[in-house]
Amino acid sequence: MTAVIKKALADKKLQKPLKIFVISLCITVILACMLCIVSYAEEGNEIINTNPGVTITVNGADSETDRVESLEILFLMTILALLPSILIMLTAFTRIIIILSFVRNAMGLQQTPPNQVLIGLALFLTLFIMQPVITEIKDVSYTPYVEGEITQSEAIKAAETPIKKFMLKQTKNKDLSLFISLSKEETPQKAEDVSMITLIPAFIVSEIKRAFTAGLLLYVPFIVIDMVVSSVLMSMGMIMLPPTMIAMPFKIMVFLITDGWGLLIKSLVMGF
């Protein structure tokens, strides 16, 4: 029995150097093959490039009236990169998403509906509300520019008019006057003459104020339900039972019975 154990230990000791020798031999063969390949490539004056690259070529226009398509694609990519900021600053998205978040928190639902659902709903409501403005921009700016009737700078100025009209309608005079005074610019004779740099922050502040006002009004009925449930639980001696756990089903039930989602969406759309 002892002889068998000694033989097994000797075999293990022999296997370890054998494995090291085999691995070393494989590495040596691979390195030799690589050196042969490199030598053959140098002798044939071949260039081996393992780093992939991207080449961008901007072709010139045949005449002054031709548009450079590559530059238009670059301009479009820049607009797409700034699209989230444009969506938040110049549209109804800010007010809608804040009010929807207030409703979810007022019912005591932390993650229902999920953020993705609220953002998607706010996005499509924004597109629905802004559809007349988008149509007007297409008619007065995009279509004439594509047909070559106006230049790029004229198209941008034409697109500002419908957006300004929408933003001025939703901006409070108090907020607009505040930012005009902060900008230290001359007071324009007409509201349409206000620069976009001054109008955008005034519009955002006005939208946040309206959203918080609507959120406060939405909170009131849910707070009443919380108070009623808390009072009932205290009168029954159930002090250790969390009132929010019992009040949440009643909030959802009241919201569904009164068709809360329909009334909320209608109020949001009619508010613009």
C-alpha atoms as a PDB file:
ATOM      1  CA  MET A   1       0.000   0.000   0.000  1.00  0.00           C
ATOM      2  CA  THR A   2       2.867   2.356   0.843  1.00  0.00           C
ATOM      3  CA  ALA A   3       4.575   1.573  -2.471  1.00  0.00           C
ATOM      4  CA  VAL A   4       1.417   2.509  -4.406  1.00  0.00           C
ATOM      5  CA  ILE A   5       1.161   5.852  -2.629  1.00  0.00           C
ATOM      6  CA  LYS A   6       4.816   6.631  -3.302  1.00  0.00           C
ATOM      7  CA  LYS A   7       4.356   5.792  -6.972  1.00  0.00           C
ATOM      8  CA  ALA A   8       1.314   8.102  -7.238  1.00  0.00           C
ATOM      9  CA  LEU A   9       3.212  10.964  -5.623  1.00  0.00           C
ATOM     10  CA  ALA A  10       6.120  10.415  -7.998  1.00  0.00           C
ATOM     11  CA  ASP A  11       3.761  10.499 -10.986  1.00  0.00           C
ATOM     12  CA  LYS A  12       2.293  13.812  -9.800  1.00  0.00           C
ATOM     13  CA  LYS A  13       5.767  15.295  -9.406  1.00  0.00           C
ATOM     14  CA  LEU A  14       6.592  14.247 -12.954  1.00  0.00           C
ATOM     15  CA  GLN A  15       3.325  15.595 -14.395  1.00  0.00           C
ATOM     16  CA  LYS A  16       3.964  19.159 -13.162  1.00  0.00           C
ATOM     17  CA  PRO A  17       7.302  19.690 -15.012  1.00  0.00           C
ATOM     18  CA  LEU A  18       5.774  18.010 -18.062  1.00  0.00           C
ATOM     19  CA  LYS A  19       2.876  20.501 -18.130  1.00  0.00           C
ATOM     20  CA  ILE A  20       5.266  23.432 -17.799  1.00  0.00           C
ATOM     21  CA  PHE A  21       7.365  22.068 -20.666  1.00  0.00           C
ATOM     22  CA  VAL A  22       4.334  21.643 -22.947  1.00  0.00           C
ATOM     23  CA  ILE A  23       3.042  25.170 -22.244  1.00  0.00           C
ATOM     24  CA  SER A  24       6.485  26.668 -22.867  1.00  0.00           C
ATOM     25  CA  LEU A  25       6.772  24.749 -26.129  1.00  0.00           C
ATOM     26  CA  CYS A  26       3.349  26.048 -27.331  1.00  0.00           C
ATOM     27  CA  ILE A  27       4.252  29.670 -26.512  1.00  0.00           C
ATOM     28  CA  THR A  28       7.570  29.297 -28.350  1.00  0.00           C
ATOM     29  CA  VAL A  29       5.847  27.919 -31.460  1.00  0.00           C
ATOM     30  CA  ILE A  30       3.248  30.728 -31.457  1.00  0.00           C
ATOM     31  CA  LEU A  31       5.919  33.440 -31.123  1.00  0.00           C
ATOM     32  CA  ALA A  32       7.934  31.869 -33.940  1.00  0.00           C
ATOM     33  CA  CYS A  33       4.881  31.867 -36.213  1.00  0.00           C
ATOM     34  CA  MET A  34       4.158  35.511 -35.431  1.00  0.00           C
ATOM     35  CA  LEU A  35       7.764  36.499 -36.214  1.00  0.00           C
ATOM     36  CA  CYS A  36       7.563  34.682 -39.536  1.00  0.00           C
ATOM     37  CA  ILE A  37       4.338  36.450 -40.463  1.00  0.00           C
ATOM     38  CA  VAL A  38       5.770  39.880 -39.590  1.00  0.00           C
ATOM     39  CA  SER A  39       8.948  39.195 -41.561  1.00  0.00           C
ATOM     40  CA  TYR A  40       6.929  38.088 -44.579  1.00  0.00           C
ATOM     41  CA  ALA A  41       4.776  41.225 -44.394  1.00  0.00           C
ATOM     42  CA  GLU A  42       7.831  43.495 -44.225  1.00  0.00           C
ATOM     43  CA  GLU A  43       9.470  41.754 -47.164  1.00  0.00           C
ATOM     44  CA  GLY A  44       6.364  42.187 -49.278  1.00  0.00           C
ATOM     45  CA  ASN A  45       6.027  45.860 -48.259  1.00  0.00           C
ATOM     46  CA  GLU A  46       2.576  45.172 -46.908  1.00  0.00           C
ATOM     47  CA  ILE A  47       0.999  47.355 -44.241  1.00  0.00           C
ATOM     48  CA  ILE A  48      -1.090  45.584 -41.662  1.00  0.00           C
ATOM     49  CA  ASN A  49      -3.513  47.909 -39.877  1.00  0.00           C
ATOM     50  CA  THR A  50      -5.424  46.338 -37.015  1.00  0.00           C
ATOM     51  CA  ASN A  51      -6.983  49.592 -35.779  1.00  0.00           C
ATOM     52  CA  PRO A  52     -10.298  50.275 -37.517  1.00  0.00           C
ATOM     53  CA  GLY A  53     -10.978  53.898 -38.301  1.00  0.00           C
ATOM     54  CA  VAL A  54     -13.739  56.145 -39.599  1.00  0.00           C
ATOM     55  CA  THR A  55     -13.172  58.651 -42.353  1.00  0.00           C
ATOM     56  CA  ILE A  56     -15.559  61.566 -42.871  1.00  0.00           C
ATOM     57  CA  THR A  57     -15.382  63.374 -46.176  1.00  0.00           C
ATOM     58  CA  VAL A  58     -17.300  66.595 -46.850  1.00  0.00           C
ATOM     59  CA  ASN A  59     -17.839  67.118 -50.554  1.00  0.00           C
ATOM     60  CA  GLY A  60     -18.228  70.598 -51.921  1.00  0.00           C
ATOM     61  CA  ALA A  61     -21.328  71.797 -53.717  1.00  0.00           C
ATOM     62  CA  ASP A  62     -21.373  72.099 -57.491  1.00  0.00           C
ATOM     63  CA  SER A  63     -22.852  75.609 -57.313  1.00  0.00           C
ATOM     64  CA  GLU A  64     -23.684  78.259 -54.735  1.00  0.00           C
ATOM     65  CA  THR A  65     -27.334  77.216 -54.597  1.00  0.00           C
ATOM     66  CA  ASP A  66     -26.556  73.567 -53.847  1.00  0.00           C
ATOM     67  CA  ARG A  67     -26.712  72.535 -50.194  1.00  0.00           C
ATOM     68  CA  VAL A  68     -23.883  70.545 -48.718  1.00  0.00           C
ATOM     69  CA  GLU A  69     -25.642  67.407 -47.526  1.00  0.00           C
ATOM     70  CA  SER A  70     -22.838  66.363 -45.194  1.00  0.00           C
ATOM     71  CA  LEU A  71     -23.046  69.644 -43.313  1.00  0.00           C
ATOM     72  CA  GLU A  72     -26.822  69.303 -43.087  1.00  0.00           C
ATOM     73  CA  ILE A  73     -26.393  65.848 -41.562  1.00  0.00           C
ATOM     74  CA  LEU A  74     -23.902  67.287 -39.066  1.00  0.00           C
ATOM     75  CA  PHE A  75     -26.357  70.068 -38.207  1.00  0.00           C
ATOM     76  CA  LEU A  76     -29.148  67.491 -37.777  1.00  0.00           C
ATOM     77  CA  MET A  77     -26.988  65.388 -35.445  1.00  0.00           C
ATOM     78  CA  THR A  78     -26.292  68.490 -33.344  1.00  0.00           C
ATOM     79  CA  ILE A  79     -30.025  69.205 -33.099  1.00  0.00           C
ATOM     80  CA  LEU A  80     -30.695  65.606 -32.039  1.00  0.00           C
ATOM     81  CA  ALA A  81     -28.041  65.872 -29.322  1.00  0.00           C
ATOM     82  CA  LEU A  82     -29.713  69.020 -27.964  1.00  0.00           C
ATOM     83  CA  LEU A  83     -33.252  67.677 -28.425  1.00  0.00           C
ATOM     84  CA  PRO A  84     -33.818  66.730 -24.738  1.00  0.00           C
ATOM     85  CA  SER A  85     -32.896  70.260 -23.620  1.00  0.00           C
ATOM     86  CA  ILE A  86     -35.047  71.812 -26.351  1.00  0.00           C
ATOM     87  CA  LEU A  87     -37.950  69.571 -25.369  1.00  0.00           C
ATOM     88  CA  ILE A  88     -37.712  70.573 -21.712  1.00  0.00           C
ATOM     89  CA  MET A  89     -37.118  74.294 -22.229  1.00  0.00           C
ATOM     90  CA  LEU A  90     -39.414  75.216 -25.109  1.00  0.00           C
ATOM     91  CA  THR A  91     -42.461  72.957 -24.788  1.00  0.00           C
ATOM     92  CA  ALA A  92     -45.174  71.901 -22.363  1.00  0.00           C
ATOM     93  CA  PHE A  93     -43.131  68.908 -21.150  1.00  0.00           C
ATOM     94  CA  THR A  94     -41.951  70.538 -17.914  1.00  0.00           C
ATOM     95  CA  ARG A  95     -45.412  71.284 -16.547  1.00  0.00           C
ATOM     96  CA  ILE A  96     -46.826  67.904 -17.547  1.00  0.00           C
ATOM     97  CA  ILE A  97     -44.096  65.750 -16.004  1.00  0.00           C
ATOM     98  CA  ILE A  98     -44.103  67.724 -12.734  1.00  0.00           C
ATOM     99  CA  ILE A  99     -47.881  67.413 -12.343  1.00  0.00           C
ATOM    100  CA  LEU A 100     -47.811  63.681 -13.104  1.00  0.00           C
ATOM    101  CA  SER A 101     -45.084  63.214 -10.490  1.00  0.00           C
ATOM    102  CA  PHE A 102     -47.180  65.150  -7.939  1.00  0.00           C
ATOM    103  CA  VAL A 103     -50.154  62.856  -8.580  1.00  0.00           C
ATOM    104  CA  ARG A 104     -48.079  59.723  -8.078  1.00  0.00           C
ATOM    105  CA  ASN A 105     -46.565  60.996  -4.832  1.00  0.00           C
ATOM    106  CA  ALA A 106     -49.922  62.235  -3.538  1.00  0.00           C
ATOM    107  CA  MET A 107     -51.404  58.737  -3.872  1.00  0.00           C
ATOM    108  CA  GLY A 108     -48.419  57.307  -1.989  1.00  0.00           C
ATOM    109  CA  LEU A 109     -47.208  55.271  -4.969  1.00  0.00           C
ATOM    110  CA  GLN A 110     -43.437  55.467  -5.150  1.00  0.00           C
ATOM    111  CA  GLN A 111     -42.737  53.564  -8.379  1.00  0.00           C
ATOM    112  CA  THR A 112     -46.187  53.059  -9.920  1.00  0.00           C
ATOM    113  CA  PRO A 113     -46.567  54.113 -12.684  1.00  0.00           C
ATOM    114  CA  PRO A 114     -42.822  53.744 -13.412  1.00  0.00           C
ATOM    115  CA  ASN A 115     -40.744  56.725 -14.488  1.00  0.00           C
ATOM    116  CA  GLN A 116     -40.563  55.377 -18.045  1.00  0.00           C
ATOM    117  CA  VAL A 117     -44.359  55.339 -18.309  1.00  0.00           C
ATOM    118  CA  LEU A 118     -44.729  58.872 -16.923  1.00  0.00           C
ATOM    119  CA  ILE A 119     -42.038  60.233 -19.236  1.00  0.00           C
ATOM    120  CA  GLY A 120     -43.601  58.476 -22.237  1.00  0.00           C
ATOM    121  CA  LEU A 121     -47.053  59.823 -21.384  1.00  0.00           C
ATOM    122  CA  ALA A 122     -45.667  63.324 -20.879  1.00  0.00           C
ATOM    123  CA  LEU A 123     -43.787  63.092 -24.178  1.00  0.00           C
ATOM    124  CA  PHE A 124     -46.819  62.142 -26.258  1.00  0.00           C
ATOM    125  CA  LEU A 125     -49.025  64.684 -24.487  1.00  0.00           C
ATOM    126  CA  THR A 126     -46.376  67.289 -25.330  1.00  0.00           C
ATOM    127  CA  LEU A 127     -46.451  66.252 -28.995  1.00  0.00           C
ATOM    128  CA  PHE A 128     -50.259  66.426 -28.957  1.00  0.00           C
ATOM    129  CA  ILE A 129     -50.279  69.907 -27.416  1.00  0.00           C
ATOM    130  CA  MET A 130     -47.437  71.226 -29.582  1.00  0.00           C
ATOM    131  CA  GLN A 131     -48.860  69.847 -32.840  1.00  0.00           C
ATOM    132  CA  PRO A 132     -50.215  73.224 -34.077  1.00  0.00           C
ATOM    133  CA  VAL A 133     -46.859  74.863 -33.351  1.00  0.00           C
ATOM    134  CA  ILE A 134     -44.966  72.068 -35.130  1.00  0.00           C
ATOM    135  CA  THR A 135     -47.283  72.333 -38.137  1.00  0.00           C
ATOM    136  CA  GLU A 136     -46.781  76.092 -38.330  1.00  0.00           C
ATOM    137  CA  ILE A 137     -42.983  75.693 -38.122  1.00  0.00           C
ATOM    138  CA  LYS A 138     -43.133  73.176 -40.958  1.00  0.00           C
ATOM    139  CA  ASP A 139     -45.203  75.520 -43.140  1.00  0.00           C
ATOM    140  CA  VAL A 140     -43.261  78.749 -42.555  1.00  0.00           C
ATOM    141  CA  SER A 141     -39.732  77.434 -42.022  1.00  0.00           C
ATOM    142  CA  TYR A 142     -38.932  73.851 -42.989  1.00  0.00           C
ATOM    143  CA  THR A 143     -40.846  73.550 -46.282  1.00  0.00           C
ATOM    144  CA  PRO A 144     -39.575  76.861 -47.753  1.00  0.00           C
ATOM    145  CA  TYR A 145     -36.014  75.980 -46.710  1.00  0.00           C
ATOM    146  CA  VAL A 146     -36.136  72.527 -48.326  1.00  0.00           C
ATOM    147  CA  GLU A 147     -37.559  74.024 -51.523  1.00  0.00           C
ATOM    148  CA  GLY A 148     -34.740  76.585 -51.584  1.00  0.00           C
ATOM    149  CA  GLU A 149     -36.965  79.627 -51.140  1.00  0.00           C
ATOM    150  CA  ILE A 150     -35.189  80.886 -48.004  1.00  0.00           C
ATOM    151  CA  THR A 151     -31.737  80.509 -46.491  1.00  0.00           C
ATOM    152  CA  GLN A 152     -30.807  78.654 -43.326  1.00  0.00           C
ATOM    153  CA  SER A 153     -30.658  81.808 -41.176  1.00  0.00           C
ATOM    154  CA  GLU A 154     -34.043  82.941 -42.488  1.00  0.00           C
ATOM    155  CA  ALA A 155     -35.488  79.505 -41.709  1.00  0.00           C
ATOM    156  CA  ILE A 156     -34.250  79.711 -38.108  1.00  0.00           C
ATOM    157  CA  LYS A 157     -35.771  83.175 -37.658  1.00  0.00           C
ATOM    158  CA  ALA A 158     -39.051  81.999 -39.170  1.00  0.00           C
ATOM    159  CA  ALA A 159     -39.137  79.008 -36.808  1.00  0.00           C
ATOM    160  CA  GLU A 160     -38.702  81.270 -33.772  1.00  0.00           C
ATOM    161  CA  THR A 161     -41.985  83.111 -34.377  1.00  0.00           C
ATOM    162  CA  PRO A 162     -44.435  80.217 -33.630  1.00  0.00           C
ATOM    163  CA  ILE A 163     -42.350  79.092 -30.663  1.00  0.00           C
ATOM    164  CA  LYS A 164     -42.217  82.621 -29.236  1.00  0.00           C
ATOM    165  CA  LYS A 165     -45.967  82.979 -29.667  1.00  0.00           C
ATOM    166  CA  PHE A 166     -46.567  79.783 -27.669  1.00  0.00           C
ATOM    167  CA  MET A 167     -44.048  80.649 -24.953  1.00  0.00           C
ATOM    168  CA  LEU A 168     -45.285  84.223 -24.505  1.00  0.00           C
ATOM    169  CA  LYS A 169     -48.842  82.948 -24.107  1.00  0.00           C
ATOM    170  CA  GLN A 170     -47.760  80.712 -21.211  1.00  0.00           C
ATOM    171  CA  THR A 171     -45.271  83.116 -19.594  1.00  0.00           C
ATOM    172  CA  LYS A 172     -46.419  85.369 -16.774  1.00  0.00           C
ATOM    173  CA  ASN A 173     -45.743  89.072 -17.193  1.00  0.00           C
ATOM    174  CA  LYS A 174     -44.156  89.234 -13.750  1.00  0.00           C
ATOM    175  CA  ASP A 175     -41.569  86.574 -14.631  1.00  0.00           C
ATOM    176  CA  LEU A 176     -40.878  88.106 -18.021  1.00  0.00           C
ATOM    177  CA  SER A 177     -40.346  91.555 -16.492  1.00  0.00           C
ATOM    178  CA  LEU A 178     -38.030  90.040 -13.887  1.00  0.00           C
ATOM    179  CA  PHE A 179     -35.697  88.493 -16.454  1.00  0.00           C
ATOM    180  CA  ILE A 180     -35.792  91.578 -18.670  1.00  0.00           C
ATOM    181  CA  SER A 181     -34.620  93.654 -15.731  1.00  0.00           C
ATOM    182  CA  LEU A 182     -31.962  91.079 -14.799  1.00  0.00           C
ATOM    183  CA  SER A 183     -30.620  90.996 -18.329  1.00  0.00           C
ATOM    184  CA  LYS A 184     -30.109  94.798 -18.225  1.00  0.00           C
ATOM    185  CA  GLU A 185     -31.480  95.108 -21.732  1.00  0.00           C
ATOM    186  CA  GLU A 186     -33.710  97.851 -23.031  1.00  0.00           C
ATOM    187  CA  THR A 187     -37.382  97.160 -22.463  1.00  0.00           C
ATOM    188  CA  PRO A 188     -38.813  96.037 -25.816  1.00  0.00           C
ATOM    189  CA  GLN A 189     -41.800  97.884 -27.190  1.00  0.00           C
ATOM    190  CA  LYS A 190     -43.558  94.630 -28.036  1.00  0.00           C
ATOM    191  CA  ALA A 191     -43.403  91.265 -26.313  1.00  0.00           C
ATOM    192  CA  GLU A 192     -42.444  89.616 -29.611  1.00  0.00           C
ATOM    193  CA  ASP A 193     -39.182  91.572 -29.596  1.00  0.00           C
ATOM    194  CA  VAL A 194     -37.910  89.799 -26.469  1.00  0.00           C
ATOM    195  CA  SER A 195     -34.826  87.690 -27.138  1.00  0.00           C
ATOM    196  CA  MET A 196     -34.996  83.926 -26.711  1.00  0.00           C
ATOM    197  CA  ILE A 197     -32.226  84.027 -24.097  1.00  0.00           C
ATOM    198  CA  THR A 198     -34.483  86.146 -21.877  1.00  0.00           C
ATOM    199  CA  LEU A 199     -37.741  84.418 -22.763  1.00  0.00           C
ATOM    200  CA  ILE A 200     -36.655  80.820 -22.129  1.00  0.00           C
ATOM    201  CA  PRO A 201     -35.843  81.126 -18.371  1.00  0.00           C
ATOM    202  CA  ALA A 202     -38.974  83.239 -17.811  1.00  0.00           C
ATOM    203  CA  PHE A 203     -41.056  80.569 -19.541  1.00  0.00           C
ATOM    204  CA  ILE A 204     -39.506  77.748 -17.485  1.00  0.00           C
ATOM    205  CA  VAL A 205     -40.073  79.579 -14.184  1.00  0.00           C
ATOM    206  CA  SER A 206     -43.704  80.262 -15.110  1.00  0.00           C
ATOM    207  CA  GLU A 207     -44.232  76.619 -16.012  1.00  0.00           C
ATOM    208  CA  ILE A 208     -42.733  75.429 -12.710  1.00  0.00           C
ATOM    209  CA  LYS A 209     -44.973  77.824 -10.765  1.00  0.00           C
ATOM    210  CA  ARG A 210     -48.093  76.590 -12.562  1.00  0.00           C
ATOM    211  CA  ALA A 211     -47.064  72.959 -12.062  1.00  0.00           C
ATOM    212  CA  PHE A 212     -46.512  73.436  -8.319  1.00  0.00           C
ATOM    213  CA  THR A 213     -49.855  75.233  -7.977  1.00  0.00           C
ATOM    214  CA  ALA A 214     -51.656  72.375  -9.719  1.00  0.00           C
ATOM    215  CA  GLY A 215     -49.746  69.828  -7.647  1.00  0.00           C
ATOM    216  CA  LEU A 216     -50.780  71.549  -4.404  1.00  0.00           C
ATOM    217  CA  LEU A 217     -54.436  71.447  -5.436  1.00  0.00           C
ATOM    218  CA  LEU A 218     -54.118  67.765  -6.295  1.00  0.00           C
ATOM    219  CA  TYR A 219     -52.550  66.993  -2.929  1.00  0.00           C
ATOM    220  CA  VAL A 220     -55.451  68.416  -0.877  1.00  0.00           C
ATOM    221  CA  PRO A 221     -58.072  65.645  -1.427  1.00  0.00           C
ATOM    222  CA  PHE A 222     -55.505  62.913  -0.819  1.00  0.00           C
ATOM    223  CA  ILE A 223     -54.387  64.592   2.415  1.00  0.00           C
ATOM    224  CA  VAL A 224     -58.040  64.637   3.546  1.00  0.00           C
ATOM    225  CA  ILE A 225     -58.254  60.880   2.960  1.00  0.00           C
ATOM    226  CA  ASP A 226     -55.052  60.372   4.994  1.00  0.00           C
ATOM    227  CA  MET A 227     -56.481  62.410   7.885  1.00  0.00           C
ATOM    228  CA  VAL A 228     -59.779  60.508   7.877  1.00  0.00           C
ATOM    229  CA  VAL A 229     -58.052  57.114   7.823  1.00  0.00           C
ATOM    230  CA  SER A 230     -55.611  58.168  10.551  1.00  0.00           C
ATOM    231  CA  SER A 231     -58.458  59.414  12.773  1.00  0.00           C
ATOM    232  CA  VAL A 232     -60.420  56.173  12.330  1.00  0.00           C
ATOM    233  CA  LEU A 233     -57.388  54.035  13.168  1.00  0.00           C
ATOM    234  CA  MET A 234     -56.647  56.073  16.303  1.00  0.00           C
ATOM    235  CA  SER A 235     -60.259  55.834  17.468  1.00  0.00           C
ATOM    236  CA  MET A 236     -60.099  52.025  17.014  1.00  0.00           C
ATOM    237  CA  GLY A 237     -56.852  51.862  18.990  1.00  0.00           C
ATOM    238  CA  MET A 238     -54.767  50.641  16.052  1.00  0.00           C
ATOM    239  CA  ILE A 239     -51.872  52.980  16.695  1.00  0.00           C
ATOM    240  CA  MET A 240     -49.178  50.604  15.442  1.00  0.00           C
ATOM    241  CA  LEU A 241     -50.829  50.135  12.027  1.00  0.00           C
ATOM    242  CA  PRO A 242     -49.378  52.578   9.439  1.00  0.00           C
ATOM    243  CA  PRO A 243     -52.165  54.862   8.142  1.00  0.00           C
ATOM    244  CA  THR A 244     -50.540  55.131   4.704  1.00  0.00           C
ATOM    245  CA  MET A 245     -50.920  51.378   4.164  1.00  0.00           C
ATOM    246  CA  ILE A 246     -54.680  51.576   4.748  1.00  0.00           C
ATOM    247  CA  ALA A 247     -55.189  54.923   3.009  1.00  0.00           C
ATOM    248  CA  MET A 248     -53.490  53.928  -0.265  1.00  0.00           C
ATOM    249  CA  PRO A 249     -56.289  51.577  -1.502  1.00  0.00           C
ATOM    250  CA  PHE A 250     -58.900  54.232  -0.683  1.00  0.00           C
ATOM    251  CA  LYS A 251     -56.916  56.867  -2.619  1.00  0.00           C
ATOM    252  CA  ILE A 252     -56.660  54.628  -5.660  1.00  0.00           C
ATOM    253  CA  MET A 253     -60.353  53.724  -5.437  1.00  0.00           C
ATOM    254  CA  VAL A 254     -61.449  57.382  -5.215  1.00  0.00           C
ATOM    255  CA  PHE A 255     -59.122  58.318  -8.079  1.00  0.00           C
ATOM    256  CA  LEU A 256     -60.549  55.580 -10.305  1.00  0.00           C
ATOM    257  CA  ILE A 257     -64.204  56.221  -9.405  1.00  0.00           C
ATOM    258  CA  THR A 258     -63.908  59.906 -10.283  1.00  0.00           C
ATOM    259  CA  ASP A 259     -62.060  59.059 -13.546  1.00  0.00           C
ATOM    260  CA  GLY A 260     -59.010  60.868 -12.249  1.00  0.00           C
ATOM    261  CA  TRP A 261     -56.748  60.102 -15.194  1.00  0.00           C
ATOM    262  CA  GLY A 262     -59.271  61.391 -17.722  1.00  0.00           C
ATOM    263  CA  LEU A 263     -59.908  64.587 -15.767  1.00  0.00           C
ATOM    264  CA  LEU A 264     -56.190  65.113 -15.227  1.00  0.00           C
ATOM    265  CA  ILE A 265     -55.299  64.695 -18.910  1.00  0.00           C
ATOM    266  CA  LYS A 266     -58.195  66.937 -19.939  1.00  0.00           C
ATOM    267  CA  SER A 267     -57.084  69.647 -17.514  1.00  0.00           C
ATOM    268  CA  LEU A 268     -53.491  69.433 -18.735  1.00  0.00           C
ATOM    269  CA  VAL A 269     -54.456  69.757 -22.387  1.00  0.00           C
ATOM    270  CA  MET A 270     -57.019  72.507 -21.795  1.00  0.00           C
ATOM    271  CA  GLY A 271     -54.492  74.418 -19.690  1.00  0.00           C
ATOM    272  CA  PHE A 272     -52.536  75.252 -22.839  1.00  0.00           C
END
